[in-house]
């Protein structure tokens, strides 16, 4: 059940937001994500202005997540709380219907993956992103997952542009269908406990 909706949401918490790996989301994760995004987007360079912009994006994202998911108001968002919020705000919705801060995060994340800043995530960039979060022993597994994501237009342009990434991300967390190609957005998944 690696591609079940439940497992995909667990993946987002564990590998996308819980940057300090403590098992829950809190304000610290999003403060760390601001620096991570700044460094990745600039390929190791640091810009105080870009960091300030990313801090605002991540503070807004944390505020939105906490408002939607911190049901007991303890300053921590568990996986179950996050799943409840995603069900309420993302299931069956398009990227355009997502909360504003989540859209800003998705756009920022695209920039960090688009290493050569050409506006398209190609197979090499996809590989770099996937191996930065999970362990793989065979590049063919990564390439097969990437190819499953691509529609005819993606193939023409050599990868995934921002609009397509937004669509795929929305489907990754907002569509329970395990056969949706969007399940491969972050590489082949394993079942998480």
Protein backbone atom coordinates (compact mmCIF):
# COMPACT_ATOMS: atom_id res chain seq x y z
CA UNK A 1 0.00 0.00 0.00
CA UNK A 2 2.95 2.31 -0.67
CA UNK A 3 0.83 4.49 -2.96
CA UNK A 4 -2.27 4.70 -0.79
CA UNK A 5 -3.46 8.18 0.08
CA UNK A 6 -2.72 7.52 3.75
CA UNK A 7 0.88 6.56 2.99
CA UNK A 8 1.37 9.55 0.68
CA UNK A 9 0.26 11.95 3.40
CA UNK A 10 2.59 10.24 5.88
CA UNK A 11 5.37 10.71 3.29
CA UNK A 12 4.64 14.45 3.03
CA UNK A 13 4.85 14.84 6.80
CA UNK A 14 7.98 12.73 7.25
CA UNK A 15 10.00 13.78 4.22
CA UNK A 16 8.70 17.21 3.23
CA UNK A 17 7.80 19.04 6.44
CA UNK A 18 9.23 17.23 9.50
CA UNK A 19 12.74 18.44 8.78
CA UNK A 20 13.99 17.87 12.34
CA UNK A 21 12.68 14.26 12.22
CA UNK A 22 10.97 14.30 15.60
CA UNK A 23 7.73 12.70 14.35
CA UNK A 24 5.47 15.75 14.41
CA UNK A 25 5.26 19.19 12.87
CA UNK A 26 5.96 22.34 14.83
CA UNK A 27 7.17 25.88 14.25
CA UNK A 28 10.82 24.79 14.28
CA UNK A 29 10.31 22.61 11.20
CA UNK A 30 9.13 25.58 9.18
CA UNK A 31 11.92 27.84 10.43
CA UNK A 32 14.40 25.19 9.25
CA UNK A 33 12.53 24.79 5.96
CA UNK A 34 13.01 28.50 5.27
CA UNK A 35 16.79 28.16 5.41
CA UNK A 36 16.73 24.89 3.47
CA UNK A 37 14.67 26.46 0.68
CA UNK A 38 16.97 29.49 0.54
CA UNK A 39 20.11 27.37 0.22
CA UNK A 40 18.61 24.89 -2.28
CA UNK A 41 17.04 27.51 -4.52
CA UNK A 42 20.35 29.36 -4.82
CA UNK A 43 22.42 26.16 -5.20
CA UNK A 44 24.33 26.76 -1.97
CA UNK A 45 24.50 30.54 -2.05
CA UNK A 46 22.83 32.57 0.70
CA UNK A 47 20.72 35.66 0.13
CA UNK A 48 19.39 37.49 3.18
CA UNK A 49 16.50 38.86 1.10
CA UNK A 50 15.56 35.45 -0.24
CA UNK A 51 15.81 34.02 3.28
CA UNK A 52 13.44 36.73 4.56
CA UNK A 53 11.02 35.88 1.72
CA UNK A 54 11.21 32.18 2.53
CA UNK A 55 10.75 32.85 6.23
CA UNK A 56 7.50 34.64 5.44
CA UNK A 57 6.33 31.76 3.20
CA UNK A 58 7.16 29.15 5.83
CA UNK A 59 5.72 31.17 8.74
CA UNK A 60 2.49 31.53 6.78
CA UNK A 61 2.48 27.84 5.94
CA UNK A 62 3.02 26.88 9.59
CA UNK A 63 0.27 29.26 10.69
CA UNK A 64 -2.13 27.75 8.14
CA UNK A 65 -1.23 24.19 9.08
CA UNK A 66 -1.50 24.93 12.79
CA UNK A 67 -4.87 26.62 12.28
CA UNK A 68 -6.22 23.72 10.21
CA UNK A 69 -4.56 20.77 11.92
CA UNK A 70 -3.51 21.52 15.51
CA UNK A 71 -6.84 20.36 16.87
CA UNK A 72 -5.75 20.31 20.52
CA UNK A 73 -3.79 23.59 20.18
CA UNK A 74 -0.58 22.24 21.75
CA UNK A 75 1.72 23.74 19.11
CA UNK A 76 2.38 20.31 17.59
CA UNK A 77 0.74 18.70 14.58
CA UNK A 78 0.74 14.92 14.55
CA UNK A 79 0.47 12.82 11.41
CA UNK A 80 -3.16 12.06 12.24
CA UNK A 81 -3.97 15.73 12.75
CA UNK A 82 -2.27 16.58 9.46
CA UNK A 83 -4.21 13.85 7.64
CA UNK A 84 -7.47 15.27 9.02
CA UNK A 85 -6.59 18.74 7.77
CA UNK A 86 -5.57 17.46 4.33
CA UNK A 87 -8.85 15.55 4.04
CA UNK A 88 -10.74 18.73 4.82
CA UNK A 89 -8.76 21.16 2.65
CA UNK A 90 -7.21 19.15 -0.20
CA UNK A 91 -9.17 16.01 -1.11
CA UNK A 92 -10.87 16.50 -4.45
CA UNK A 93 -9.46 20.01 -4.90
CA UNK A 94 -7.25 21.53 -7.53
CA UNK A 95 -4.06 23.43 -6.83
CA UNK A 96 -5.99 26.70 -7.24
CA UNK A 97 -8.31 25.72 -4.40
CA UNK A 98 -5.47 24.95 -1.96
CA UNK A 99 -4.70 27.31 0.94
CA UNK A 100 -2.47 30.19 -0.20
CA UNK A 101 0.51 29.32 1.99
CA UNK A 102 0.51 25.73 0.75
CA UNK A 103 0.56 26.99 -2.84
CA UNK A 104 3.53 29.22 -2.00
CA UNK A 105 5.35 26.20 -0.50
CA UNK A 106 4.67 24.09 -3.59
CA UNK A 107 6.00 26.82 -5.88
CA UNK A 108 9.08 27.29 -3.69
CA UNK A 109 9.70 23.55 -3.63
CA UNK A 110 9.56 23.44 -7.44
CA UNK A 111 12.29 26.10 -7.59
CA UNK A 112 14.51 24.06 -5.27
CA UNK A 113 14.17 20.97 -7.50
CA UNK A 114 14.71 22.88 -10.77
CA UNK A 115 18.48 22.89 -10.31
CA UNK A 116 19.34 24.53 -13.63
CA UNK A 117 16.47 27.06 -13.29
CA UNK A 118 15.15 26.37 -16.81
CA UNK A 119 11.54 26.06 -15.64
CA UNK A 120 11.37 22.30 -16.18
CA UNK A 121 12.18 19.42 -13.83
CA UNK A 122 14.01 16.95 -16.03
CA UNK A 123 14.97 13.37 -15.23
CA UNK A 124 18.31 14.30 -13.64
CA UNK A 125 16.69 16.85 -11.32
CA UNK A 126 13.96 14.35 -10.45
CA UNK A 127 16.62 11.81 -9.50
CA UNK A 128 18.46 14.31 -7.28
CA UNK A 129 15.22 15.20 -5.50
CA UNK A 130 14.17 11.57 -4.98
CA UNK A 131 17.52 10.34 -3.66
CA UNK A 132 17.74 13.27 -1.25
CA UNK A 133 14.84 11.75 0.74
CA UNK A 134 14.87 8.00 0.17
CA UNK A 135 17.28 5.12 -0.45
CA UNK A 136 17.46 3.47 -3.86
CA UNK A 137 19.85 0.92 -5.33
CA UNK A 138 18.92 1.20 -9.00
CA UNK A 139 18.54 4.30 -11.18
CA UNK A 140 16.14 2.39 -13.45
CA UNK A 141 13.60 2.43 -10.61
CA UNK A 142 13.81 6.23 -10.47
CA UNK A 143 13.62 6.65 -14.22
CA UNK A 144 10.59 4.35 -14.48
CA UNK A 145 8.79 6.42 -11.81
CA UNK A 146 9.65 9.66 -13.60
CA UNK A 147 8.37 8.32 -16.91
CA UNK A 148 5.08 7.26 -15.28
CA UNK A 149 4.52 10.90 -14.28
CA UNK A 150 4.87 12.30 -17.77
CA UNK A 151 1.97 13.08 -20.06
CA UNK A 152 2.42 13.79 -23.78
CA UNK A 153 3.11 17.51 -23.23
CA UNK A 154 5.65 16.73 -20.49
CA UNK A 155 7.47 14.42 -22.91
CA UNK A 156 7.57 17.19 -25.55
CA UNK A 157 9.20 19.68 -23.17
CA UNK A 158 11.50 17.13 -21.53
CA UNK A 159 9.99 17.11 -18.06
CA UNK A 160 7.58 18.80 -15.71
CA UNK A 161 6.98 22.57 -15.75
CA UNK A 162 5.62 24.56 -12.81
CA UNK A 163 1.95 24.35 -13.84
CA UNK A 164 2.20 20.59 -14.25
CA UNK A 165 4.10 20.25 -10.94
CA UNK A 166 1.32 22.19 -9.20
CA UNK A 167 -1.28 19.88 -10.73
CA UNK A 168 0.66 16.74 -9.78
CA UNK A 169 1.31 17.92 -6.23
CA UNK A 170 -2.41 18.64 -5.77
CA UNK A 171 -3.22 15.16 -7.03
CA UNK A 172 -0.51 13.55 -4.88
CA UNK A 173 -2.21 14.71 -1.68
CA UNK A 174 -5.72 15.41 -2.93
CA UNK A 175 -6.62 12.33 -4.95
CA UNK A 176 -7.07 8.99 -3.18
CA UNK A 177 -6.71 7.04 -6.44
CA UNK A 178 -3.55 4.91 -6.23
CA UNK A 179 -3.48 4.57 -10.03
CA UNK A 180 -3.04 8.32 -10.55
CA UNK A 181 0.45 8.92 -12.05
CA UNK A 182 0.94 11.74 -9.51
CA UNK A 183 1.75 9.11 -6.87
CA UNK A 184 5.26 9.04 -8.39
CA UNK A 185 5.90 12.78 -7.93
CA UNK A 186 8.56 12.26 -5.27
CA UNK A 187 9.96 8.99 -6.57
CA UNK A 188 9.03 5.41 -5.83
CA UNK A 189 7.50 5.18 -2.35
CA UNK A 190 7.77 2.55 0.34
CA UNK A 191 5.12 1.81 2.91
CA UNK A 192 5.66 3.88 6.05
CA UNK A 193 4.71 2.80 9.54
